[in-house]
Amino acid sequence: MHSRKGPGFVPVSPWGLRLPQKFLFLLFLSGLVTLCFGALFLLPHSSRLKRLFLSARTQQPGLEVMSDVAGHPPAREQEPPPNPAPAAPAPGEDDPSGRASLRRRKEWPRRIRPTGPREEAPATRGHGVSAPRPGEESVRFSFDFSAFRSRLHHPVLGTKASERKKRRSRVRAQREKVKEMMQFAWQNYKRYAMGQNELRPLTKDGYEGSMFGGLSGATIIDSLDTLYIMELKKEFQEAKTWVEESFHLNVSGEASLFEVNIRYIGGLLSAFYLTGEEVFRIKAIQLGEKLLPAFNTPTGIPKGSVNFKSGSWGWAVSGSSSSSSILAEFGSLHLEFLHLTELSGNQVFAEKVRNIRKVLKKIDKPLGLYPNFLSPVTGKWVQHHVSIGGLGDSFYEYLIKSWLMSAKTDTEAKDMYYEALEAIETYMLTVSPEGLTYIAEWRGGVLDHKMGHLACFSGGMISLGAEDAAEEKRAHYRELAAQITRTCHESYARSDTKLGPEAFWFNSRREAVTTQLSESYYILRPEVVESYMYLWRQTHNPIYREWGWEVVMALEKYCRTKSGFSGIQDVYSSYPSHDNKQQSFFLAETLK
């Protein structure tokens, strides 16, 4: 029987709906889907939605800002920003499940600023922090605290699951020991020198010194991040309260630009990024403004000191071209000053360090090397003395870290670092008759066959930079980092105290030891253990932990006094005299 089409007859669809009904249903369904998905883009800003719909690159606004500030527009296709080498986990953090980390976040109240554009802090108004100029809104503060904090805590790396239980008790006990040393150093500082720059443990009083221009509390501010990551909550709160109530910037002395930057501004920035507490951000910006007059030179290369009272760079009236600035000092401002721009919206900080980079790129360099002294008047090298230790050291460190901090977009810093490292390796790297690799000092083509304690940071630096070197150089740089770190360990192992001298030499008779009493002291410096830490993180070779523990035991035996830790005057004496000074960097770096 055949069906017939007639008036009013409509075929039935397979769903049991007649065609007009089917079309109406599909129309309704498509409208509903459009409405639902469209509503997502009308909802308030949400990081959860960002994770669903935006790429990983756009979830790192702080890193994009840094590349912009550095003068390099963000690349269209970026590598994901690297996880920094994680800090050693605090006690209780061996559990990779993250329960301890969650517990910390609950116990530590903090005020976190939003990740969107920031209004200018009231405390900075009227203090020279200007609003961004047209077209510069992209550098307003947008640091992603959640992304940053997610990188802070990690389980111990380099241990297999089968080894973790065996090592946990020993590692935890060692960690607790270092934490106890930090508490001991802090408590004695608080008891005898609270508010002053450093503790003198033998005389049980404080020391102000002259290089901070009248600023106080260097130990407090330098120690903030160490206290925090060691979970010394009571001590951290004591330090924070002092900053809030007693850290005054109305001083009138002459200060070292470099020392104020790394100890005070660096300490405040670290504390701010760890906690989000506004007091640290505001103080850092205000202090940064007080350093700006140091840059008022003919070249923009800053003088090494600034007078907080007059705001001048002191010696300018003489017009002497022989006055010089030190490479390690003016070359070690980049990291902090870019963050000051990011946190304040004021471009002047970034402009100052960008100009330093410009001058250094333009100037002729002997054999590709960077001498240690530069005239801020003429923009020319004053001497042809090159060292990767004192006077030069942190300039190179800041180059590779600027590359990493920018999420690997600051290619200028990267190129300058690897070019400098190649020149250093070509003209300064030496291997002794005993097979010890070291970086000598270069004086116009003549080598001084010595290495300073300050140069021993270079093993860690080279290890850190190996990953981003040309592929054919990576294994070489890892091996070079290990060899230099081994040499620095030898300078410790060959002393009676198992602590290293301020400088050590290589000659036909003795190697990796000092040749004069004036270089045999140890002032609680961190550079050797810093390289141990980097090499441990990069290789997970347990020898670096063992070497680090040797230093802990030597510090306990020879540097611990009844009222704090002190440097010693002769590492080659089994009964060394103390220098009566607990350096702020001992708490800020060595113990960390």
Protein backbone atom coordinates (compact mmCIF):
# COMPACT_ATOMS: atom_id res chain seq x y z
CA MET A 1 0.00 0.00 0.00
CA HIS A 2 1.50 3.30 -1.05
CA SER A 3 1.16 6.44 1.08
CA ARG A 4 0.04 9.55 -0.66
CA LYS A 5 0.90 13.16 -0.09
CA GLY A 6 -2.15 15.21 0.45
CA PRO A 7 -3.02 18.45 2.12
CA GLY A 8 -2.14 18.41 5.89
CA PHE A 9 0.05 15.28 5.68
CA VAL A 10 3.64 15.56 7.06
CA PRO A 11 6.04 12.60 7.15
CA VAL A 12 7.16 11.50 10.64
CA SER A 13 10.93 11.74 11.49
CA PRO A 14 12.86 8.80 13.01
CA TRP A 15 12.65 10.57 16.46
CA GLY A 16 8.93 10.50 16.32
CA LEU A 17 8.80 14.26 15.57
CA ARG A 18 7.28 15.81 12.55
CA LEU A 19 9.69 17.96 10.51
CA PRO A 20 8.51 21.40 11.71
CA GLN A 21 8.84 20.21 15.29
CA LYS A 22 12.35 18.87 14.58
CA PHE A 23 13.50 22.17 13.14
CA LEU A 24 12.14 24.10 16.11
CA PHE A 25 13.90 21.74 18.55
CA LEU A 26 17.28 22.08 16.78
CA LEU A 27 16.90 25.84 16.66
CA PHE A 28 16.21 25.92 20.40
CA LEU A 29 19.17 23.61 21.15
CA SER A 30 21.65 25.66 19.10
CA GLY A 31 20.49 28.85 20.80
CA LEU A 32 20.95 27.27 24.23
CA VAL A 33 24.52 26.14 23.42
CA THR A 34 25.41 29.58 22.07
CA LEU A 35 23.99 31.25 25.16
CA CYS A 36 25.88 28.98 27.58
CA PHE A 37 29.28 29.33 25.94
CA GLY A 38 28.83 33.01 25.31
CA ALA A 39 28.03 33.54 28.98
CA LEU A 40 31.45 32.22 29.96
CA PHE A 41 33.09 35.22 28.34
CA LEU A 42 30.78 37.62 30.18
CA LEU A 43 31.56 36.24 33.64
CA PRO A 44 33.98 38.10 35.97
CA HIS A 45 37.72 37.51 35.57
CA SER A 46 38.61 34.05 36.83
CA SER A 47 41.91 32.26 36.92
CA ARG A 48 40.02 28.98 36.69
CA LEU A 49 38.49 30.01 33.37
CA LYS A 50 41.89 31.26 32.25
CA ARG A 51 43.31 27.82 32.84
CA LEU A 52 40.53 26.32 30.71
CA PHE A 53 40.66 28.65 27.75
CA LEU A 54 44.01 30.44 27.66
CA SER A 55 47.39 29.12 26.69
CA ALA A 56 50.11 28.43 29.26
CA ARG A 57 52.02 31.46 28.02
CA THR A 58 49.26 33.89 28.94
CA GLN A 59 49.08 32.44 32.43
CA GLN A 60 52.50 33.91 33.24
CA PRO A 61 51.84 37.65 33.09
CA GLY A 62 54.68 38.47 35.41
CA LEU A 63 57.15 36.80 33.10
CA GLU A 64 55.78 38.53 30.01
CA VAL A 65 56.09 41.86 31.78
CA MET A 66 59.74 41.22 32.58
CA SER A 67 60.58 40.56 28.95
CA ASP A 68 58.83 43.78 27.98
CA VAL A 69 60.62 45.81 30.62
CA ALA A 70 63.97 44.41 29.52
CA GLY A 71 63.38 45.93 26.11
CA HIS A 72 62.53 42.72 24.32
CA PRO A 73 58.96 42.24 23.08
CA PRO A 74 57.47 38.88 24.02
CA ALA A 75 57.99 36.28 21.37
CA ARG A 76 54.94 34.88 19.61
CA GLU A 77 55.89 31.35 20.53
CA GLN A 78 57.70 31.12 23.85
CA GLU A 79 59.05 28.12 25.63
CA PRO A 80 57.20 27.59 28.88
CA PRO A 81 59.06 29.37 31.68
CA PRO A 82 61.42 27.03 33.49
CA ASN A 83 60.85 25.93 37.04
CA PRO A 84 63.69 27.48 39.01
CA ALA A 85 65.96 25.09 40.86
CA PRO A 86 63.77 24.39 43.89
CA ALA A 87 64.86 25.37 47.33
CA ALA A 88 65.73 22.58 49.72
CA PRO A 89 62.46 21.40 51.26
CA ALA A 90 61.74 22.36 54.79
CA PRO A 91 61.30 19.68 57.45
CA GLY A 92 58.16 17.72 56.85
CA GLU A 93 58.26 18.35 53.13
CA ASP A 94 59.62 15.02 51.96
CA ASP A 95 56.07 13.88 51.27
CA PRO A 96 55.51 14.66 47.59
CA SER A 97 51.75 14.72 48.04
CA GLY A 98 51.99 18.36 49.02
CA ARG A 99 50.04 18.05 52.28
CA ALA A 100 52.74 19.91 54.18
CA SER A 101 52.69 22.69 51.60
CA LEU A 102 48.92 23.01 51.92
CA ARG A 103 49.27 23.16 55.69
CA ARG A 104 51.74 26.02 55.40
CA ARG A 105 49.40 28.02 53.23
CA LYS A 106 46.67 27.70 55.83
CA GLU A 107 48.90 28.66 58.73
CA TRP A 108 50.61 31.66 57.15
CA PRO A 109 48.21 34.56 56.65
CA ARG A 110 49.32 36.83 53.86
CA ARG A 111 47.88 39.65 51.85
CA ILE A 112 48.23 38.87 48.18
CA ARG A 113 47.72 41.64 45.70
CA PRO A 114 45.60 40.97 42.61
CA THR A 115 47.43 40.00 39.46
CA GLY A 116 45.84 42.72 37.37
CA PRO A 117 47.03 46.32 37.03
CA ARG A 118 47.97 47.87 40.33
CA GLU A 119 47.14 51.34 41.48
CA GLU A 120 50.07 53.36 42.68
CA ALA A 121 50.65 52.70 46.37
CA PRO A 122 49.61 55.69 48.51
CA ALA A 123 52.91 55.59 50.34
CA THR A 124 54.81 56.16 47.11
CA ARG A 125 52.84 59.18 45.98
CA GLY A 126 54.81 62.34 46.31
CA HIS A 127 58.08 60.42 46.42
CA GLY A 128 58.98 60.57 42.77
CA VAL A 129 57.15 57.47 41.53
CA SER A 130 55.39 58.75 38.46
CA ALA A 131 52.58 57.15 36.57
CA PRO A 132 53.48 55.24 33.41
CA ARG A 133 53.75 57.31 30.28
CA PRO A 134 51.30 56.71 27.41
CA GLY A 135 51.86 53.35 25.82
CA GLU A 136 53.58 51.91 28.91
CA GLU A 137 50.57 50.44 30.66
CA SER A 138 51.85 46.96 29.82
CA VAL A 139 54.51 47.23 32.50
CA ARG A 140 52.05 47.78 35.34
CA PHE A 141 52.30 45.17 38.05
CA SER A 142 50.93 41.77 37.07
CA PHE A 143 53.03 39.24 38.93
CA ASP A 144 51.26 35.88 39.18
CA PHE A 145 51.60 34.90 42.83
CA SER A 146 49.87 31.55 42.38
CA ALA A 147 52.26 30.51 39.62
CA PHE A 148 55.23 31.78 41.62
CA ARG A 149 54.26 30.01 44.84
CA SER A 150 53.57 26.76 43.00
CA ARG A 151 57.32 26.61 42.28
CA LEU A 152 58.52 27.28 45.79
CA HIS A 153 58.18 23.90 47.44
CA HIS A 154 59.19 20.55 46.01
CA PRO A 155 60.01 17.14 47.42
CA VAL A 156 63.69 16.31 47.64
CA LEU A 157 65.01 15.67 44.15
CA GLY A 158 67.51 13.06 43.09
CA THR A 159 66.30 10.24 45.32
CA LYS A 160 64.55 7.12 44.14
CA ALA A 161 61.47 5.92 45.98
CA SER A 162 63.45 2.99 47.40
CA GLU A 163 66.08 5.37 48.78
CA ARG A 164 63.77 8.00 50.19
CA LYS A 165 62.95 6.23 53.44
CA LYS A 166 66.60 5.38 54.03
CA ARG A 167 67.75 8.96 53.53
CA ARG A 168 64.82 10.80 55.03
CA SER A 169 65.87 10.62 58.66
CA ARG A 170 69.46 11.68 57.97
CA VAL A 171 68.53 14.51 55.60
CA ARG A 172 65.85 15.74 57.95
CA ALA A 173 68.24 15.70 60.90
CA GLN A 174 70.81 17.66 58.91
CA ARG A 175 68.17 20.14 57.82
CA GLU A 176 67.02 20.59 61.41
CA LYS A 177 70.61 21.21 62.44
CA VAL A 178 71.00 24.04 59.93
CA LYS A 179 67.68 25.44 61.06
CA GLU A 180 68.91 25.39 64.65
CA MET A 181 72.03 27.29 63.58
CA MET A 182 69.81 29.92 61.97
CA GLN A 183 67.75 30.24 65.15
CA PHE A 184 70.90 30.54 67.24
CA ALA A 185 72.34 33.24 64.98
CA TRP A 186 69.05 35.16 64.95
CA GLN A 187 68.36 34.91 68.67
CA ASN A 188 71.79 36.27 69.56
CA TYR A 189 71.44 39.05 67.04
CA LYS A 190 68.06 39.91 68.54
CA ARG A 191 69.40 39.80 72.10
CA TYR A 192 72.51 41.90 71.59
CA ALA A 193 72.13 43.89 68.37
CA MET A 194 68.47 44.12 67.32
CA GLY A 195 68.02 46.98 64.87
CA GLN A 196 71.74 47.43 64.22
CA ASN A 197 73.31 46.18 61.04
CA GLU A 198 75.28 43.21 62.33
CA LEU A 199 76.10 41.36 65.54
CA ARG A 200 79.54 41.31 67.17
CA PRO A 201 79.29 38.03 69.09
CA LEU A 202 82.49 38.28 71.15
CA THR A 203 81.75 41.71 72.59
CA LYS A 204 77.99 41.03 72.59
CA ASP A 205 76.97 44.25 70.90
CA GLY A 206 75.95 45.57 67.51
CA TYR A 207 77.85 47.03 64.59
CA GLU A 208 76.58 49.75 62.26
CA GLY A 209 79.43 50.31 59.81
CA SER A 210 79.61 53.09 57.25
CA MET A 211 78.63 51.48 53.95
CA PHE A 212 74.87 51.67 54.47
CA GLY A 213 74.61 55.45 54.78
CA GLY A 214 72.87 55.39 58.14
CA LEU A 215 70.37 52.64 57.27
CA SER A 216 69.91 50.11 60.06
CA GLY A 217 68.78 46.51 60.35
CA ALA A 218 70.80 44.96 57.51
CA THR A 219 70.73 41.56 59.21
CA ILE A 220 66.97 41.77 59.70
CA ILE A 221 66.12 42.61 56.10
CA ASP A 222 68.77 40.32 54.63
CA SER A 223 67.37 37.42 56.70
CA LEU A 224 63.66 37.81 55.95
CA ASP A 225 63.41 35.20 53.21
CA THR A 226 65.62 32.69 55.03
CA LEU A 227 63.47 32.92 58.14
CA TYR A 228 60.38 32.47 56.02
CA ILE A 229 61.46 29.44 54.00
CA MET A 230 62.85 27.76 57.14
CA GLU A 231 59.38 28.24 58.66
CA LEU A 232 60.74 30.15 61.63
CA LYS A 233 57.41 31.89 62.02
CA LYS A 234 58.01 33.65 65.32
CA GLU A 235 61.36 35.01 64.16
CA PHE A 236 59.95 36.09 60.82
CA GLN A 237 57.15 37.98 62.56
CA GLU A 238 59.72 39.72 64.76
CA ALA A 239 61.62 40.81 61.67
CA LYS A 240 58.47 41.97 59.86
CA THR A 241 57.33 43.98 62.88
CA TRP A 242 60.70 45.74 63.03
CA VAL A 243 60.45 46.65 59.33
CA GLU A 244 56.95 48.03 59.86
CA GLU A 245 57.74 50.03 62.97
CA SER A 246 61.46 50.84 62.99
CA PHE A 247 62.92 50.74 59.47
CA HIS A 248 63.30 54.44 58.66
CA LEU A 249 64.70 55.84 55.43
CA ASN A 250 65.28 59.43 56.56
CA VAL A 251 69.04 58.97 56.81
CA SER A 252 71.82 61.28 55.65
CA GLY A 253 75.01 59.28 55.22
CA GLU A 254 76.89 58.06 52.16
CA ALA A 255 75.95 54.53 51.16
CA SER A 256 77.25 51.84 48.83
CA LEU A 257 74.83 51.55 45.92
CA PHE A 258 75.66 47.89 45.47
CA GLU A 259 75.40 46.83 49.12
CA VAL A 260 72.12 48.66 49.71
CA ASN A 261 70.69 47.13 46.55
CA ILE A 262 71.59 43.51 47.23
CA ARG A 263 71.03 43.44 51.00
CA TYR A 264 68.14 45.83 51.52
CA ILE A 265 66.22 46.04 48.24
CA GLY A 266 66.92 42.40 47.41
CA GLY A 267 65.82 41.34 50.88
CA LEU A 268 62.62 43.40 50.73
CA LEU A 269 61.70 42.17 47.25
CA SER A 270 62.25 38.53 48.23
CA ALA A 271 60.08 38.98 51.31
CA PHE A 272 57.35 40.65 49.28
CA TYR A 273 57.24 37.94 46.64
CA LEU A 274 57.13 35.22 49.30
CA THR A 275 54.40 36.84 51.41
CA GLY A 276 52.62 39.56 49.47
CA GLU A 277 52.95 41.91 52.44
CA GLU A 278 52.67 45.49 51.16
CA VAL A 279 55.14 46.93 53.66
CA PHE A 280 57.99 45.16 51.87
CA ARG A 281 56.97 46.43 48.43
CA ILE A 282 56.54 50.02 49.56
CA LYS A 283 59.85 50.15 51.43
CA ALA A 284 61.70 48.63 48.47
CA ILE A 285 60.34 51.26 46.07
CA GLN A 286 61.05 54.14 48.43
CA LEU A 287 64.60 52.94 48.99
CA GLY A 288 65.11 52.45 45.25
CA GLU A 289 64.21 56.10 44.72
CA LYS A 290 66.93 57.15 47.15
CA LEU A 291 69.52 55.35 45.00
CA LEU A 292 68.60 57.06 41.74
CA PRO A 293 70.95 60.08 42.15
CA ALA A 294 73.92 57.71 41.82
CA PHE A 295 73.05 57.44 38.11
CA ASN A 296 73.40 61.19 37.46
CA THR A 297 76.73 60.84 35.67
CA PRO A 298 77.76 61.84 32.13
CA THR A 299 77.39 58.25 30.92
CA GLY A 300 74.59 57.04 33.18
CA ILE A 301 76.96 54.46 34.66
CA PRO A 302 76.32 54.92 38.39
CA LYS A 303 78.94 55.90 40.91
CA GLY A 304 79.56 53.28 43.58
CA SER A 305 78.14 55.43 46.38
CA VAL A 306 75.30 57.88 46.88
CA ASN A 307 74.86 60.56 49.53
CA PHE A 308 71.41 60.18 51.06
CA LYS A 309 71.48 63.72 52.44
CA SER A 310 72.38 65.67 49.32
CA GLY A 311 71.26 63.09 46.76
CA SER A 312 74.51 63.64 44.88
CA TRP A 313 77.23 61.34 43.67
CA GLY A 314 79.83 63.21 45.71
CA TRP A 315 82.95 63.39 43.62
CA ALA A 316 81.30 64.74 40.42
CA VAL A 317 82.54 68.26 41.03
CA SER A 318 86.11 67.20 40.44
CA GLY A 319 85.32 65.89 36.96
CA SER A 320 88.09 63.37 37.41
CA SER A 321 88.09 60.72 34.71
CA SER A 322 90.28 58.53 36.87
CA SER A 323 87.43 57.91 39.30
CA SER A 324 85.94 54.56 38.39
CA SER A 325 82.90 52.40 38.94
CA ILE A 326 83.23 48.68 39.58
CA LEU A 327 81.80 46.15 37.12
CA ALA A 328 80.34 43.87 39.79
CA GLU A 329 78.58 46.82 41.41
CA PHE A 330 76.95 48.65 38.51
CA GLY A 331 76.48 45.34 36.68
CA SER A 332 74.52 43.79 39.56
CA LEU A 333 71.46 46.03 39.68
CA HIS A 334 69.46 44.58 36.82
CA LEU A 335 67.31 42.01 38.60
CA GLU A 336 66.18 44.25 41.45
CA PHE A 337 65.64 47.38 39.37
CA LEU A 338 63.44 45.64 36.82
CA HIS A 339 61.26 44.42 39.65
CA LEU A 340 61.11 47.93 41.08
CA THR A 341 59.68 49.09 37.76
CA GLU A 342 57.23 46.21 37.72
CA LEU A 343 56.05 46.85 41.26
CA SER A 344 55.85 50.65 40.99
CA GLY A 345 54.90 51.26 37.37
CA ASN A 346 57.76 53.76 37.23
CA GLN A 347 59.92 53.22 34.15
CA VAL A 348 62.92 55.09 35.56
CA PHE A 349 64.34 52.02 37.31
CA ALA A 350 64.28 49.89 34.16
CA GLU A 351 65.64 52.76 32.09
CA LYS A 352 68.67 53.12 34.36
CA VAL A 353 69.76 49.50 34.05
CA ARG A 354 68.86 49.36 30.37
CA ASN A 355 71.32 52.20 29.78
CA ILE A 356 74.07 50.27 31.61
CA ARG A 357 73.53 47.36 29.24
CA LYS A 358 73.66 49.76 26.28
CA VAL A 359 77.00 51.24 27.37
CA LEU A 360 78.55 47.82 27.94
CA LYS A 361 77.36 46.55 24.57
CA LYS A 362 78.85 49.56 22.76
CA ILE A 363 82.26 49.79 24.42
CA ASP A 364 85.27 47.92 23.02
CA LYS A 365 86.25 44.94 25.13
CA PRO A 366 89.81 43.56 25.13
CA LEU A 367 89.60 40.05 23.66
CA GLY A 368 85.89 40.02 24.53
CA LEU A 369 86.69 40.37 28.26
CA TYR A 370 85.08 42.84 30.66
CA PRO A 371 87.63 44.73 32.80
CA ASN A 372 86.64 45.51 36.37
CA PHE A 373 86.89 49.32 36.34
CA LEU A 374 84.98 51.75 34.14
CA SER A 375 84.93 55.54 34.26
CA PRO A 376 81.36 56.87 34.62
CA VAL A 377 82.62 60.18 33.23
CA THR A 378 84.27 59.02 29.99
CA GLY A 379 82.66 55.60 29.57
CA LYS A 380 86.10 54.02 29.06
CA TRP A 381 87.87 51.24 30.90
CA VAL A 382 90.23 52.54 33.57
CA GLN A 383 92.35 49.38 33.90
CA HIS A 384 92.59 46.10 32.05
CA HIS A 385 92.15 43.89 35.09
CA VAL A 386 89.61 41.09 34.63
CA SER A 387 88.36 38.83 37.40
CA ILE A 388 85.42 36.53 37.82
CA GLY A 389 85.92 36.90 41.57
CA GLY A 390 85.81 40.14 43.55
CA LEU A 391 85.13 43.27 41.42
CA GLY A 392 83.61 41.28 38.56
CA ASP A 393 81.70 38.27 39.90
CA SER A 394 77.98 39.08 40.09
CA PHE A 395 77.91 40.94 36.75
CA TYR A 396 78.12 37.56 34.99
CA GLU A 397 75.67 35.96 37.40
CA TYR A 398 73.08 38.67 36.73
CA LEU A 399 73.34 38.14 32.96
CA ILE A 400 72.34 34.47 33.03
CA LYS A 401 69.71 35.10 35.69
CA SER A 402 68.24 37.99 33.66
CA TRP A 403 67.80 35.52 30.81
CA LEU A 404 66.03 33.05 33.09
CA MET A 405 63.96 35.69 34.88
CA SER A 406 62.57 36.92 31.56
CA ALA A 407 61.17 33.46 30.76
CA LYS A 408 64.05 33.11 28.30
CA THR A 409 63.15 36.13 26.18
CA ASP A 410 66.01 38.48 27.14
CA THR A 411 68.28 37.20 24.39
CA GLU A 412 70.63 40.16 24.80
CA ALA A 413 71.52 39.03 28.33
CA LYS A 414 71.89 35.45 27.14
CA ASP A 415 74.23 36.39 24.29
CA MET A 416 76.34 38.65 26.52
CA TYR A 417 76.68 35.86 29.09
CA TYR A 418 77.79 33.11 26.71
CA GLU A 419 80.13 35.45 24.81
CA ALA A 420 81.75 36.54 28.08
CA LEU A 421 82.01 32.95 29.28
CA GLU A 422 83.71 31.90 26.03
CA ALA A 423 86.27 34.70 26.39
CA ILE A 424 86.91 33.78 30.04
CA GLU A 425 87.41 30.13 29.09
CA THR A 426 89.73 31.05 26.23
CA TYR A 427 92.00 33.48 28.08
CA MET A 428 91.62 32.83 31.82
CA LEU A 429 90.78 29.16 32.38
CA THR A 430 93.78 27.12 33.51
CA VAL A 431 94.50 23.58 34.68
CA SER A 432 97.21 23.14 37.31
CA PRO A 433 99.91 20.42 37.26
CA GLU A 434 97.81 18.51 39.80
CA GLY A 435 94.83 18.67 37.46
CA LEU A 436 92.85 21.36 39.29
CA THR A 437 90.77 23.60 37.04
CA TYR A 438 90.58 27.25 38.02
CA ILE A 439 89.83 30.69 36.57
CA ALA A 440 92.87 32.94 36.96
CA GLU A 441 92.86 36.74 37.01
CA TRP A 442 93.86 38.55 33.81
CA ARG A 443 95.94 41.74 33.84
CA GLY A 444 96.52 43.04 30.33
CA GLY A 445 97.43 39.60 29.04
CA VAL A 446 99.34 38.38 32.12
CA LEU A 447 97.68 35.86 34.42
CA ASP A 448 97.72 35.91 38.21
CA HIS A 449 97.39 32.24 39.06
CA LYS A 450 95.00 32.63 41.93
CA MET A 451 91.29 32.31 42.55
CA GLY A 452 89.32 34.24 45.15
CA HIS A 453 86.67 32.72 47.37
CA LEU A 454 84.19 35.05 45.66
CA ALA A 455 85.01 33.40 42.33
CA CYS A 456 83.82 30.05 43.63
CA PHE A 457 80.22 30.95 42.87
CA SER A 458 81.13 30.35 39.20
CA GLY A 459 80.80 26.57 39.41
CA GLY A 460 77.13 26.96 40.27
CA MET A 461 76.63 29.70 37.69
CA ILE A 462 78.13 27.66 34.86
CA SER A 463 76.04 24.68 35.89
CA LEU A 464 72.92 26.84 35.91
CA GLY A 465 73.64 28.15 32.42
CA ALA A 466 74.60 24.81 30.88
CA GLU A 467 71.04 23.89 29.97
CA ASP A 468 70.59 26.82 27.59
CA ALA A 469 74.03 26.69 25.98
CA ALA A 470 74.52 25.46 22.43
CA GLU A 471 73.75 21.76 22.38
CA GLU A 472 77.34 20.76 21.66
CA LYS A 473 78.56 22.78 24.69
CA ARG A 474 76.12 21.61 27.36
CA ALA A 475 78.00 18.53 28.53
CA HIS A 476 81.23 20.51 28.45
CA TYR A 477 79.83 23.25 30.68
CA ARG A 478 78.44 20.71 33.14
CA GLU A 479 81.85 19.11 33.40
CA LEU A 480 83.55 22.49 33.70
CA ALA A 481 81.19 23.47 36.53
CA ALA A 482 81.98 20.23 38.35
CA GLN A 483 85.75 20.70 37.95
CA ILE A 484 85.73 24.30 39.21
CA THR A 485 83.57 23.31 42.18
CA ARG A 486 85.99 20.46 42.95
CA THR A 487 88.88 22.94 42.96
CA CYS A 488 87.04 25.19 45.39
CA HIS A 489 86.36 22.19 47.61
CA GLU A 490 90.08 21.48 47.59
CA SER A 491 90.73 24.97 48.96
CA TYR A 492 88.59 23.95 51.94
CA ALA A 493 89.92 20.40 52.27
CA ARG A 494 93.56 21.58 52.36
CA SER A 495 93.08 23.88 55.36
CA ASP A 496 93.28 22.86 59.02
CA THR A 497 89.75 24.09 59.70
CA LYS A 498 88.20 22.68 56.50
CA LEU A 499 87.07 26.19 55.66
CA GLY A 500 88.46 28.03 52.65
CA PRO A 501 90.66 31.16 52.60
CA GLU A 502 89.71 34.47 51.01
CA ALA A 503 92.02 33.67 48.07
CA PHE A 504 94.13 30.69 47.05
CA TRP A 505 97.02 30.33 44.63
CA PHE A 506 98.54 27.80 42.25
CA ASN A 507 102.30 27.60 41.91
CA SER A 508 105.01 25.02 41.51
CA ARG A 509 105.13 24.24 45.21
CA ARG A 510 101.56 24.36 46.52
CA GLU A 511 98.12 24.48 44.94
CA ALA A 512 94.71 25.69 46.12
CA VAL A 513 96.19 27.28 49.26
CA THR A 514 96.96 30.86 50.14
CA THR A 515 100.53 32.12 50.14
CA GLN A 516 100.12 35.01 52.56
CA LEU A 517 98.51 35.53 55.93
CA SER A 518 96.48 38.50 54.72
CA GLU A 519 94.41 36.16 52.52
CA SER A 520 93.94 33.31 54.99
CA TYR A 521 90.76 34.56 56.68
CA TYR A 522 87.20 33.26 56.28
CA ILE A 523 84.27 35.59 56.92
CA LEU A 524 81.32 33.15 56.72
CA ARG A 525 81.09 33.52 52.93
CA PRO A 526 78.48 31.52 50.94
CA GLU A 527 80.03 31.09 47.48
CA VAL A 528 81.44 27.57 47.83
CA VAL A 529 78.34 26.07 49.43
CA GLU A 530 76.26 27.93 46.84
CA SER A 531 78.00 25.98 44.09
CA TYR A 532 77.49 22.76 46.06
CA MET A 533 73.78 23.51 46.13
CA TYR A 534 73.54 24.24 42.40
CA LEU A 535 75.55 21.15 41.48
CA TRP A 536 73.40 19.00 43.76
CA ARG A 537 70.25 20.29 42.12
CA GLN A 538 71.62 19.78 38.63
CA THR A 539 73.28 16.38 39.08
CA HIS A 540 71.84 14.88 42.30
CA ASN A 541 75.33 13.55 43.02
CA PRO A 542 75.41 12.91 46.80
CA ILE A 543 79.02 14.12 47.03
CA TYR A 544 77.78 17.72 47.04
CA ARG A 545 75.58 17.07 50.05
CA GLU A 546 78.52 15.46 51.80
CA TRP A 547 80.74 18.44 51.06
CA GLY A 548 78.03 20.78 52.29
CA TRP A 549 77.75 18.86 55.55
CA GLU A 550 81.52 19.12 56.01
CA VAL A 551 81.11 22.90 55.94
CA VAL A 552 78.31 22.74 58.51
CA MET A 553 80.54 20.77 60.87
CA ALA A 554 83.46 23.17 60.35
CA LEU A 555 81.23 26.17 61.03
CA GLU A 556 80.04 24.57 64.23
CA LYS A 557 83.55 23.73 65.40
CA TYR A 558 85.44 26.89 64.50
CA CYS A 559 82.94 29.71 63.95
CA ARG A 560 80.29 29.16 66.60
CA THR A 561 80.80 31.18 69.76
CA LYS A 562 78.67 31.48 72.87
CA SER A 563 76.78 34.43 71.41
CA GLY A 564 76.60 33.85 67.67
CA PHE A 565 78.79 32.93 64.71
CA SER A 566 82.01 34.72 63.84
CA GLY A 567 84.47 34.68 60.97
CA ILE A 568 87.99 33.45 61.66
CA GLN A 569 91.31 35.06 60.86
CA ASP A 570 93.36 32.04 59.76
CA VAL A 571 91.86 28.89 58.26
CA TYR A 572 95.24 27.17 58.53
CA SER A 573 95.27 27.31 62.33
CA SER A 574 93.62 24.65 64.44
CA TYR A 575 92.97 27.34 67.05
CA PRO A 576 91.95 30.33 64.95
CA SER A 577 91.11 33.76 66.33
CA HIS A 578 87.65 35.13 65.66
CA ASP A 579 87.01 38.41 63.85
CA ASN A 580 84.00 39.27 66.05
CA LYS A 581 81.51 39.75 63.23
CA GLN A 582 78.40 37.80 62.25
CA GLN A 583 77.91 38.94 58.67
CA SER A 584 74.35 39.54 57.48
CA PHE A 585 74.99 37.36 54.43
CA PHE A 586 75.74 34.40 56.72
CA LEU A 587 72.05 34.30 57.62
CA ALA A 588 70.83 35.49 54.22
CA GLU A 589 72.88 33.13 52.04
CA THR A 590 75.27 30.68 53.69
CA LEU A 591 72.74 29.00 55.98
CA LYS A 592 70.03 29.18 53.34
